[in-house]
PDB file of N, CA and C in Angstrom:
ATOM      1  N   MET A   1     116.351 101.332  71.174  1.00  0.00           N
ATOM      2  CA  MET A   1     116.067 101.892  72.213  1.00  0.00           C
ATOM      3  C   MET A   1     117.455 102.110  73.091  1.00  0.00           C
ATOM      4  N   ARG A   2     118.496 101.417  72.683  1.00  0.00           N
ATOM      5  CA  ARG A   2     119.776 101.229  73.378  1.00  0.00           C
ATOM      6  C   ARG A   2     120.572 102.430  72.924  1.00  0.00           C
ATOM      7  N   ILE A   3     120.112 102.762  71.997  1.00  0.00           N
ATOM      8  CA  ILE A   3     121.185 103.718  71.072  1.00  0.00           C
ATOM      9  C   ILE A   3     120.251 104.919  71.473  1.00  0.00           C
ATOM     10  N   ALA A   4     119.332 105.125  71.751  1.00  0.00           N
ATOM     11  CA  ALA A   4     119.047 106.720  71.821  1.00  0.00           C
ATOM     12  C   ALA A   4     119.052 107.038  73.607  1.00  0.00           C
ATOM     13  N   HIS A   5     119.077 105.879  74.391  1.00  0.00           N
ATOM     14  CA  HIS A   5     119.758 105.924  75.723  1.00  0.00           C
ATOM     15  C   HIS A   5     121.221 106.221  75.659  1.00  0.00           C
ATOM     16  N   ALA A   6     122.083 105.568  75.093  1.00  0.00           N
ATOM     17  CA  ALA A   6     123.309 105.579  75.015  1.00  0.00           C
ATOM     18  C   ALA A   6     123.573 107.030  74.446  1.00  0.00           C
ATOM     19  N   VAL A   7     122.896 107.761  73.160  1.00  0.00           N
ATOM     20  CA  VAL A   7     123.229 109.200  72.955  1.00  0.00           C
ATOM     21  C   VAL A   7     123.073 109.940  73.648  1.00  0.00           C
ATOM     22  N   ALA A   8     121.787 110.043  74.706  1.00  0.00           N
ATOM     23  CA  ALA A   8     121.578 110.836  75.727  1.00  0.00           C
ATOM     24  C   ALA A   8     122.490 110.855  76.455  1.00  0.00           C
ATOM     25  N   ILE A   9     123.151 109.609  76.974  1.00  0.00           N
ATOM     26  CA  ILE A   9     123.825 109.537  77.996  1.00  0.00           C
ATOM     27  C   ILE A   9     125.105 110.441  77.382  1.00  0.00           C
ATOM     28  N   SER A  10     125.564 110.264  76.495  1.00  0.00           N
ATOM     29  CA  SER A  10     126.771 110.860  75.524  1.00  0.00           C
ATOM     30  C   SER A  10     126.754 112.095  75.505  1.00  0.00           C
ATOM     31  N   LEU A  11     125.391 112.628  75.142  1.00  0.00           N
ATOM     32  CA  LEU A  11     125.413 114.127  75.016  1.00  0.00           C
ATOM     33  C   LEU A  11     125.011 114.612  76.645  1.00  0.00           C
ATOM     34  N   ALA A  12     124.474 114.202  77.540  1.00  0.00           N
ATOM     35  CA  ALA A  12     124.723 114.970  78.653  1.00  0.00           C
ATOM     36  C   ALA A  12     126.219 114.758  79.242  1.00  0.00           C
ATOM     37  N   VAL A  13     127.131 113.791  78.848  1.00  0.00           N
ATOM     38  CA  VAL A  13     128.493 114.117  79.220  1.00  0.00           C
ATOM     39  C   VAL A  13     129.059 114.963  78.866  1.00  0.00           C
ATOM     40  N   LEU A  14     128.925 115.175  77.741  1.00  0.00           N
ATOM     41  CA  LEU A  14     129.380 115.857  76.509  1.00  0.00           C
ATOM     42  C   LEU A  14     129.253 117.736  76.742  1.00  0.00           C
ATOM     43  N   ALA A  15     128.020 117.472  77.148  1.00  0.00           N
ATOM     44  CA  ALA A  15     127.338 119.089  77.213  1.00  0.00           C
ATOM     45  C   ALA A  15     127.831 119.813  78.693  1.00  0.00           C
ATOM     46  N   GLY A  16     128.695 119.155  79.619  1.00  0.00           N
ATOM     47  CA  GLY A  16     128.845 119.421  80.746  1.00  0.00           C
ATOM     48  C   GLY A  16     127.767 119.351  82.209  1.00  0.00           C
ATOM     49  N   PRO A  17     128.659 119.841  83.062  1.00  0.00           N
ATOM     50  CA  PRO A  17     127.648 119.833  84.518  1.00  0.00           C
ATOM     51  C   PRO A  17     126.174 120.483  84.351  1.00  0.00           C
ATOM     52  N   ALA A  18     125.791 121.293  83.699  1.00  0.00           N
ATOM     53  CA  ALA A  18     124.266 122.019  83.360  1.00  0.00           C
ATOM     54  C   ALA A  18     123.730 120.803  82.846  1.00  0.00           C
ATOM     55  N   MET A  19     123.981 120.237  81.790  1.00  0.00           N
ATOM     56  CA  MET A  19     123.066 119.222  81.281  1.00  0.00           C
ATOM     57  C   MET A  19     123.081 117.803  82.204  1.00  0.00           C
ATOM     58  N   ALA A  20     123.905 117.612  82.518  1.00  0.00           N
ATOM     59  CA  ALA A  20     124.369 116.404  83.215  1.00  0.00           C
ATOM     60  C   ALA A  20     123.597 116.242  84.363  1.00  0.00           C
ATOM     61  N   GLN A  21     123.079 117.189  84.849  1.00  0.00           N
ATOM     62  CA  GLN A  21     122.095 117.440  86.114  1.00  0.00           C
ATOM     63  C   GLN A  21     120.692 117.116  86.061  1.00  0.00           C
ATOM     64  N   GLU A  22     120.224 117.271  84.617  1.00  0.00           N
ATOM     65  CA  GLU A  22     118.989 116.946  83.817  1.00  0.00           C
ATOM     66  C   GLU A  22     118.443 115.589  84.149  1.00  0.00           C
ATOM     67  N   LEU A  23     117.304 114.975  84.854  1.00  0.00           N
ATOM     68  CA  LEU A  23     116.777 114.003  84.701  1.00  0.00           C
ATOM     69  C   LEU A  23     116.841 112.898  83.340  1.00  0.00           C
ATOM     70  N   THR A  24     117.174 111.655  83.367  1.00  0.00           N
ATOM     71  CA  THR A  24     116.896 111.099  82.151  1.00  0.00           C
ATOM     72  C   THR A  24     115.742 110.053  82.254  1.00  0.00           C
ATOM     73  N   THR A  25     115.197 109.619  83.729  1.00  0.00           N
ATOM     74  CA  THR A  25     114.181 108.747  84.105  1.00  0.00           C
ATOM     75  C   THR A  25     113.625 109.669  85.502  1.00  0.00           C
ATOM     76  N   VAL A  26     112.319 109.113  85.568  1.00  0.00           N
ATOM     77  CA  VAL A  26     111.893 109.293  86.953  1.00  0.00           C
ATOM     78  C   VAL A  26     111.081 107.800  87.152  1.00  0.00           C
ATOM     79  N   GLU A  27     111.406 107.397  88.387  1.00  0.00           N
ATOM     80  CA  GLU A  27     110.784 105.992  89.084  1.00  0.00           C
ATOM     81  C   GLU A  27     109.482 106.578  89.486  1.00  0.00           C
ATOM     82  N   VAL A  28     108.523 105.706  89.201  1.00  0.00           N
ATOM     83  CA  VAL A  28     107.001 105.940  89.689  1.00  0.00           C
ATOM     84  C   VAL A  28     106.616 104.915  90.367  1.00  0.00           C
ATOM     85  N   GLN A  29     106.314 105.521  91.732  1.00  0.00           N
ATOM     86  CA  GLN A  29     105.886 104.125  92.435  1.00  0.00           C
ATOM     87  C   GLN A  29     104.806 104.526  93.328  1.00  0.00           C
ATOM     88  N   ALA A  30     103.972 103.385  93.229  1.00  0.00           N
ATOM     89  CA  ALA A  30     102.582 103.489  94.025  1.00  0.00           C
ATOM     90  C   ALA A  30     102.764 103.933  95.732  1.00  0.00           C
ATOM     91  N   GLU A  31     101.905 104.799  96.241  1.00  0.00           N
ATOM     92  CA  GLU A  31     102.388 105.167  97.467  1.00  0.00           C
ATOM     93  C   GLU A  31     102.021 104.550  98.250  1.00  0.00           C
ATOM     94  N   GLU A  32     100.967 103.456  97.834  1.00  0.00           N
ATOM     95  CA  GLU A  32     100.846 102.233  99.013  1.00  0.00           C
ATOM     96  C   GLU A  32     101.438 101.355  99.167  1.00  0.00           C
ATOM     97  N   ASP A  33     102.201 101.081  98.083  1.00  0.00           N
ATOM     98  CA  ASP A  33     102.924  99.620  97.880  1.00  0.00           C
ATOM     99  C   ASP A  33     104.009  99.555  96.861  1.00  0.00           C
ATOM    100  N   ALA A  34     105.646  99.831  97.696  1.00  0.00           N
ATOM    101  CA  ALA A  34     106.844 100.286  97.314  1.00  0.00           C
ATOM    102  C   ALA A  34     106.941  99.313  96.038  1.00  0.00           C
ATOM    103  N   GLU A  35     106.469  97.897  96.355  1.00  0.00           N
ATOM    104  CA  GLU A  35     107.011  97.237  95.102  1.00  0.00           C
ATOM    105  C   GLU A  35     106.131  97.343  93.632  1.00  0.00           C
ATOM    106  N   LYS A  36     105.188  97.975  93.721  1.00  0.00           N
ATOM    107  CA  LYS A  36     104.806  98.394  92.450  1.00  0.00           C
ATOM    108  C   LYS A  36     105.193  99.629  91.703  1.00  0.00           C
ATOM    109  N   THR A  37     106.190  99.556  91.039  1.00  0.00           N
ATOM    110  CA  THR A  37     106.766 100.878  90.456  1.00  0.00           C
ATOM    111  C   THR A  37     107.250 100.312  89.006  1.00  0.00           C
ATOM    112  N   MET A  38     107.724 101.635  88.443  1.00  0.00           N
ATOM    113  CA  MET A  38     107.391 101.383  86.748  1.00  0.00           C
ATOM    114  C   MET A  38     108.663 102.792  86.539  1.00  0.00           C
ATOM    115  N   THR A  39     109.249 103.000  85.550  1.00  0.00           N
ATOM    116  CA  THR A  39     110.021 104.131  85.092  1.00  0.00           C
ATOM    117  C   THR A  39     109.610 104.575  83.810  1.00  0.00           C
ATOM    118  N   VAL A  40     109.841 106.077  83.962  1.00  0.00           N
ATOM    119  CA  VAL A  40     109.411 106.773  82.773  1.00  0.00           C
ATOM    120  C   VAL A  40     110.213 107.536  82.386  1.00  0.00           C
ATOM    121  N   SER A  41     110.578 107.534  80.791  1.00  0.00           N
ATOM    122  CA  SER A  41     111.740 108.423  80.367  1.00  0.00           C
ATOM    123  C   SER A  41     111.677 109.938  80.555  1.00  0.00           C
ATOM    124  N   CYS A  42     112.397 110.652  80.769  1.00  0.00           N
ATOM    125  CA  CYS A  42     112.044 112.341  80.771  1.00  0.00           C
ATOM    126  C   CYS A  42     112.223 112.750  79.277  1.00  0.00           C
ATOM    127  N   VAL A  43     113.328 111.893  78.744  1.00  0.00           N
ATOM    128  CA  VAL A  43     114.090 112.403  77.253  1.00  0.00           C
ATOM    129  C   VAL A  43     113.202 112.043  76.359  1.00  0.00           C
ATOM    130  N   ASP A  44     112.630 110.815  76.291  1.00  0.00           N
ATOM    131  CA  ASP A  44     111.730 110.304  75.278  1.00  0.00           C
ATOM    132  C   ASP A  44     110.344 109.430  75.729  1.00  0.00           C
ATOM    133  N   PRO A  45     109.537 109.882  76.662  1.00  0.00           N
ATOM    134  CA  PRO A  45     108.652 109.180  77.474  1.00  0.00           C
ATOM    135  C   PRO A  45     107.675 108.544  76.416  1.00  0.00           C
ATOM    136  N   ALA A  46     107.378 107.329  76.468  1.00  0.00           N
ATOM    137  CA  ALA A  46     106.363 106.325  75.542  1.00  0.00           C
ATOM    138  C   ALA A  46     105.418 106.056  76.821  1.00  0.00           C
ATOM    139  N   GLU A  47     104.306 105.979  76.313  1.00  0.00           N
ATOM    140  CA  GLU A  47     103.165 105.731  77.199  1.00  0.00           C
ATOM    141  C   GLU A  47     103.537 104.141  77.795  1.00  0.00           C
ATOM    142  N   PRO A  48     102.960 103.897  79.081  1.00  0.00           N
ATOM    143  CA  PRO A  48     102.785 102.776  79.827  1.00  0.00           C
ATOM    144  C   PRO A  48     101.889 101.971  79.268  1.00  0.00           C
ATOM    145  N   SER A  49     102.347 100.718  79.404  1.00  0.00           N
ATOM    146  CA  SER A  49     101.085  99.672  78.909  1.00  0.00           C
ATOM    147  C   SER A  49     100.082  99.765  80.012  1.00  0.00           C
ATOM    148  N   LEU A  50      98.861  99.683  79.687  1.00  0.00           N
ATOM    149  CA  LEU A  50      97.459  99.557  80.377  1.00  0.00           C
ATOM    150  C   LEU A  50      97.983  98.931  81.583  1.00  0.00           C
ATOM    151  N   SER A  51      98.326  97.687  81.461  1.00  0.00           N
ATOM    152  CA  SER A  51      98.556  96.993  82.552  1.00  0.00           C
ATOM    153  C   SER A  51      99.574  97.439  83.858  1.00  0.00           C
ATOM    154  N   ASP A  52     100.545  98.008  83.441  1.00  0.00           N
ATOM    155  CA  ASP A  52     101.225  98.779  84.326  1.00  0.00           C
ATOM    156  C   ASP A  52     100.451 100.007  84.647  1.00  0.00           C
ATOM    157  N   VAL A  53      99.692 100.667  84.325  1.00  0.00           N
ATOM    158  CA  VAL A  53      99.087 101.591  84.627  1.00  0.00           C
ATOM    159  C   VAL A  53      98.041 101.235  85.868  1.00  0.00           C
ATOM    160  N   GLY A  54      97.517 100.414  85.479  1.00  0.00           N
ATOM    161  CA  GLY A  54      96.811  99.396  86.532  1.00  0.00           C
ATOM    162  C   GLY A  54      97.221  98.960  87.683  1.00  0.00           C
ATOM    163  N   ARG A  55      98.013  98.361  87.585  1.00  0.00           N
ATOM    164  CA  ARG A  55      99.222  98.101  88.622  1.00  0.00           C
ATOM    165  C   ARG A  55      99.515  98.945  89.462  1.00  0.00           C
ATOM    166  N   VAL A  56     100.170 100.088  89.053  1.00  0.00           N
ATOM    167  CA  VAL A  56     100.615 101.049  89.671  1.00  0.00           C
ATOM    168  C   VAL A  56      99.879 102.114  90.706  1.00  0.00           C
ATOM    169  N   LEU A  57      98.291 102.228  89.955  1.00  0.00           N
ATOM    170  CA  LEU A  57      97.372 102.786  90.892  1.00  0.00           C
ATOM    171  C   LEU A  57      96.374 101.831  91.331  1.00  0.00           C
ATOM    172  N   SER A  58      96.419 101.045  91.343  1.00  0.00           N
ATOM    173  CA  SER A  58      95.663  99.728  91.863  1.00  0.00           C
ATOM    174  C   SER A  58      94.106  99.814  91.158  1.00  0.00           C
ATOM    175  N   LEU A  59      94.115  99.486  90.181  1.00  0.00           N
ATOM    176  CA  LEU A  59      92.693  99.599  89.462  1.00  0.00           C
ATOM    177  C   LEU A  59      92.377  98.691  89.685  1.00  0.00           C
ATOM    178  N   SER A  60      91.079  98.308  89.737  1.00  0.00           N
ATOM    179  CA  SER A  60      90.228  97.269  89.787  1.00  0.00           C
ATOM    180  C   SER A  60      89.584  96.945  88.742  1.00  0.00           C
ATOM    181  N   ASP A  61      89.207  98.033  87.988  1.00  0.00           N
ATOM    182  CA  ASP A  61      88.396  98.306  86.760  1.00  0.00           C
ATOM    183  C   ASP A  61      89.238  98.549  85.461  1.00  0.00           C
ATOM    184  N   PRO A  62      89.721  97.690  84.711  1.00  0.00           N
ATOM    185  CA  PRO A  62      90.736  98.001  83.943  1.00  0.00           C
ATOM    186  C   PRO A  62      90.241  99.211  82.496  1.00  0.00           C
ATOM    187  N   ALA A  63      88.938  99.310  82.761  1.00  0.00           N
ATOM    188  CA  ALA A  63      88.339 100.169  81.577  1.00  0.00           C
ATOM    189  C   ALA A  63      88.909 101.619  82.144  1.00  0.00           C
ATOM    190  N   LYS A  64      89.082 102.071  83.540  1.00  0.00           N
ATOM    191  CA  LYS A  64      89.795 103.066  83.921  1.00  0.00           C
ATOM    192  C   LYS A  64      91.047 103.320  83.565  1.00  0.00           C
ATOM    193  N   ALA A  65      91.841 102.441  83.148  1.00  0.00           N
ATOM    194  CA  ALA A  65      93.735 102.659  83.062  1.00  0.00           C
ATOM    195  C   ALA A  65      93.710 103.329  81.813  1.00  0.00           C
ATOM    196  N   GLU A  66      92.617 103.508  80.603  1.00  0.00           N
ATOM    197  CA  GLU A  66      92.946 104.709  79.905  1.00  0.00           C
ATOM    198  C   GLU A  66      93.003 105.903  79.850  1.00  0.00           C
ATOM    199  N   PRO A  67      92.224 106.572  80.803  1.00  0.00           N
ATOM    200  CA  PRO A  67      92.142 107.673  80.842  1.00  0.00           C
ATOM    201  C   PRO A  67      93.042 107.947  82.192  1.00  0.00           C
ATOM    202  N   LEU A  68      93.835 107.463  82.623  1.00  0.00           N
ATOM    203  CA  LEU A  68      94.511 107.584  84.239  1.00  0.00           C
ATOM    204  C   LEU A  68      95.779 107.579  83.519  1.00  0.00           C
ATOM    205  N   ARG A  69      96.004 106.728  82.256  1.00  0.00           N
ATOM    206  CA  ARG A  69      97.226 106.666  81.757  1.00  0.00           C
ATOM    207  C   ARG A  69      98.100 108.193  81.559  1.00  0.00           C
ATOM    208  N   GLY A  70      97.171 109.005  80.650  1.00  0.00           N
ATOM    209  CA  GLY A  70      97.706 110.663  80.544  1.00  0.00           C
ATOM    210  C   GLY A  70      98.304 111.079  81.603  1.00  0.00           C
ATOM    211  N   LYS A  71      97.073 111.048  82.876  1.00  0.00           N
ATOM    212  CA  LYS A  71      97.445 111.569  83.883  1.00  0.00           C
ATOM    213  C   LYS A  71      98.593 111.166  84.974  1.00  0.00           C
ATOM    214  N   LEU A  72      98.951 109.720  84.651  1.00  0.00           N
ATOM    215  CA  LEU A  72     100.099 109.627  85.225  1.00  0.00           C
ATOM    216  C   LEU A  72     101.262 109.986  84.575  1.00  0.00           C
ATOM    217  N   MET A  73     101.340 110.079  83.266  1.00  0.00           N
ATOM    218  CA  MET A  73     102.286 110.671  82.216  1.00  0.00           C
ATOM    219  C   MET A  73     102.330 112.103  82.534  1.00  0.00           C
ATOM    220  N   ALA A  74     101.442 113.073  83.028  1.00  0.00           N
ATOM    221  CA  ALA A  74     101.492 114.630  83.144  1.00  0.00           C
ATOM    222  C   ALA A  74     102.057 114.662  84.339  1.00  0.00           C
ATOM    223  N   ALA A  75     102.121 113.238  85.399  1.00  0.00           N
ATOM    224  CA  ALA A  75     103.052 113.517  86.821  1.00  0.00           C
ATOM    225  C   ALA A  75     104.144 113.191  86.751  1.00  0.00           C
ATOM    226  N   ALA A  76     104.613 112.278  85.852  1.00  0.00           N
ATOM    227  CA  ALA A  76     105.936 111.659  85.448  1.00  0.00           C
ATOM    228  C   ALA A  76     106.652 113.175  84.971  1.00  0.00           C
ATOM    229  N   ALA A  77     106.177 113.989  83.855  1.00  0.00           N
ATOM    230  CA  ALA A  77     106.716 115.065  83.269  1.00  0.00           C
ATOM    231  C   ALA A  77     106.426 116.435  84.183  1.00  0.00           C
ATOM    232  N   GLU A  78     106.029 116.186  85.150  1.00  0.00           N
ATOM    233  CA  GLU A  78     105.875 117.233  86.238  1.00  0.00           C
ATOM    234  C   GLU A  78     107.090 116.889  87.157  1.00  0.00           C
ATOM    235  N   ALA A  79     107.289 115.676  87.343  1.00  0.00           N
ATOM    236  CA  ALA A  79     108.609 115.585  88.063  1.00  0.00           C
ATOM    237  C   ALA A  79     109.921 115.584  87.529  1.00  0.00           C
ATOM    238  N   CYS A  80     109.811 115.273  85.916  1.00  0.00           N
ATOM    239  CA  CYS A  80     111.208 115.547  85.319  1.00  0.00           C
ATOM    240  C   CYS A  80     111.392 116.915  85.207  1.00  0.00           C
ATOM    241  N   ALA A  81     110.300 117.724  85.150  1.00  0.00           N
ATOM    242  CA  ALA A  81     110.528 119.167  84.888  1.00  0.00           C
ATOM    243  C   ALA A  81     111.165 119.966  86.320  1.00  0.00           C
ATOM    244  N   LYS A  82     110.989 119.150  87.417  1.00  0.00           N
ATOM    245  CA  LYS A  82     111.292 119.673  88.873  1.00  0.00           C
ATOM    246  C   LYS A  82     112.358 118.724  89.237  1.00  0.00           C
ATOM    247  N   ASN A  83     113.092 118.162  88.427  1.00  0.00           N
ATOM    248  CA  ASN A  83     114.258 117.035  88.535  1.00  0.00           C
ATOM    249  C   ASN A  83     114.048 116.439  89.957  1.00  0.00           C
ATOM    250  N   GLU A  84     112.912 115.375  89.784  1.00  0.00           N
ATOM    251  CA  GLU A  84     112.384 114.541  91.133  1.00  0.00           C
ATOM    252  C   GLU A  84     112.597 113.221  90.565  1.00  0.00           C
ATOM    253  N   PRO A  85     113.792 112.588  91.058  1.00  0.00           N
ATOM    254  CA  PRO A  85     113.942 111.328  90.591  1.00  0.00           C
ATOM    255  C   PRO A  85     112.991 110.252  90.637  1.00  0.00           C
ATOM    256  N   LYS A  86     112.508 110.089  91.958  1.00  0.00           N
ATOM    257  CA  LYS A  86     111.595 109.226  92.474  1.00  0.00           C
ATOM    258  C   LYS A  86     110.267 110.170  93.120  1.00  0.00           C
ATOM    259  N   ILE A  87     109.245 109.691  92.458  1.00  0.00           N
ATOM    260  CA  ILE A  87     108.052 110.014  93.290  1.00  0.00           C
ATOM    261  C   ILE A  87     107.144 108.872  93.469  1.00  0.00           C
ATOM    262  N   SER A  88     105.801 109.184  94.306  1.00  0.00           N
ATOM    263  CA  SER A  88     104.912 108.181  94.721  1.00  0.00           C
ATOM    264  C   SER A  88     103.842 108.906  94.107  1.00  0.00           C
ATOM    265  N   VAL A  89     103.139 107.820  93.744  1.00  0.00           N
ATOM    266  CA  VAL A  89     101.511 108.467  92.960  1.00  0.00           C
ATOM    267  C   VAL A  89     100.260 107.647  93.953  1.00  0.00           C
ATOM    268  N   SER A  90      99.179 108.616  93.613  1.00  0.00           N
ATOM    269  CA  SER A  90      98.179 108.132  94.288  1.00  0.00           C
ATOM    270  C   SER A  90      96.954 108.435  93.220  1.00  0.00           C
ATOM    271  N   ARG A  91      95.881 107.737  93.438  1.00  0.00           N
ATOM    272  CA  ARG A  91      94.327 108.142  92.437  1.00  0.00           C
ATOM    273  C   ARG A  91      93.713 108.486  93.599  1.00  0.00           C
ATOM    274  N   THR A  92      92.518 109.532  93.716  1.00  0.00           N
ATOM    275  CA  THR A  92      91.879 109.992  94.386  1.00  0.00           C
ATOM    276  C   THR A  92      90.528 109.366  94.081  1.00  0.00           C
ATOM    277  N   ALA A  93      89.765 109.513  95.003  1.00  0.00           N
ATOM    278  CA  ALA A  93      88.222 108.897  94.832  1.00  0.00           C
ATOM    279  C   ALA A  93      87.856 109.449  93.349  1.00  0.00           C
ATOM    280  N   ASN A  94      87.702 110.615  92.816  1.00  0.00           N
ATOM    281  CA  ASN A  94      87.562 111.199  91.548  1.00  0.00           C
ATOM    282  C   ASN A  94      88.186 111.098  90.599  1.00  0.00           C
ATOM    283  N   ASN A  95      89.358 110.365  90.628  1.00  0.00           N
ATOM    284  CA  ASN A  95      90.171 109.669  89.340  1.00  0.00           C
ATOM    285  C   ASN A  95      91.330 110.507  89.054  1.00  0.00           C
ATOM    286  N   LYS A  96      91.857 111.461  89.855  1.00  0.00           N
ATOM    287  CA  LYS A  96      92.851 112.489  89.910  1.00  0.00           C
ATOM    288  C   LYS A  96      94.162 111.805  90.301  1.00  0.00           C
ATOM    289  N   VAL A  97      95.211 111.755  89.959  1.00  0.00           N
ATOM    290  CA  VAL A  97      96.432 111.432  90.265  1.00  0.00           C
ATOM    291  C   VAL A  97      97.212 112.316  90.597  1.00  0.00           C
ATOM    292  N   THR A  98      97.422 112.106  91.875  1.00  0.00           N
ATOM    293  CA  THR A  98      98.696 112.959  92.911  1.00  0.00           C
ATOM    294  C   THR A  98      99.747 112.421  92.725  1.00  0.00           C
ATOM    295  N   TRP A  99     100.669 113.195  92.991  1.00  0.00           N
ATOM    296  CA  TRP A  99     102.330 112.806  93.272  1.00  0.00           C
ATOM    297  C   TRP A  99     102.858 113.386  94.074  1.00  0.00           C
ATOM    298  N   LYS A 100     103.800 112.778  94.848  1.00  0.00           N
ATOM    299  CA  LYS A 100     104.943 113.585  95.570  1.00  0.00           C
ATOM    300  C   LYS A 100     106.456 113.309  95.157  1.00  0.00           C
ATOM    301  N   ALA A 101     107.439 113.911  95.762  1.00  0.00           N
ATOM    302  CA  ALA A 101     108.959 113.582  95.809  1.00  0.00           C
ATOM    303  C   ALA A 101     108.781 112.206  97.008  1.00  0.00           C
ATOM    304  N   LYS A 102     109.463 111.581  96.245  1.00  0.00           N
ATOM    305  CA  LYS A 102     109.759 110.108  97.335  1.00  0.00           C
ATOM    306  C   LYS A 102     111.468 110.742  97.701  1.00  0.00           C
ATOM    307  N   LYS A 103     111.553 110.384  98.664  1.00  0.00           N
ATOM    308  CA  LYS A 103     113.113 110.612  99.331  1.00  0.00           C
ATOM    309  C   LYS A 103     113.766 109.479  99.633  1.00  0.00           C
ATOM    310  N   ASP A 104     114.681 109.184  99.114  1.00  0.00           N
ATOM    311  CA  ASP A 104     116.089 108.267  98.929  1.00  0.00           C
ATOM    312  C   ASP A 104     115.915 107.837 100.893  1.00  0.00           C
ATOM    313  N   GLU A 105     115.346 106.728 101.384  1.00  0.00           N
ATOM    314  CA  GLU A 105     115.612 106.340 102.847  1.00  0.00           C
ATOM    315  C   GLU A 105     116.810 106.106 103.357  1.00  0.00           C
ATOM    316  N   ALA A 106     117.842 105.882 102.022  1.00  0.00           N
ATOM    317  CA  ALA A 106     119.555 105.686 102.555  1.00  0.00           C
ATOM    318  C   ALA A 106     119.993 107.088 102.820  1.00  0.00           C
ATOM    319  N   ALA A 107     119.304 108.334 102.315  1.00  0.00           N
ATOM    320  CA  ALA A 107     119.953 109.457 102.583  1.00  0.00           C
ATOM    321  C   ALA A 107     119.462 110.000 104.038  1.00  0.00           C
ATOM    322  N   ASN A 108     118.446 109.311 104.710  1.00  0.00           N
ATOM    323  CA  ASN A 108     117.803 109.827 105.913  1.00  0.00           C
ATOM    324  C   ASN A 108     118.388 109.303 106.945  1.00  0.00           C
TER     325      ASN A 108
END
């Protein structure tokens, strides 16, 4: 895995400014609890563990983690496509995953 990251970083540096601006990862944070975070790769996304999905989406029923994992990954993929490095996610009452860009507090 470290080799893949090193190769991706090397390619970004060698390809020039246009390529370097593309995201390599997205930080996914629970909307209601900033301590509940995970990182998803934009270059080679691997499915997060079911326990990570349950933790970030605050699931009380572990059986809900499997179907929500794909929705969480779709949210991360959208953020990658929109060049959003940090997002906050939440789960609606009907088990949809919504996300919004998380602005860096240090910049404000």
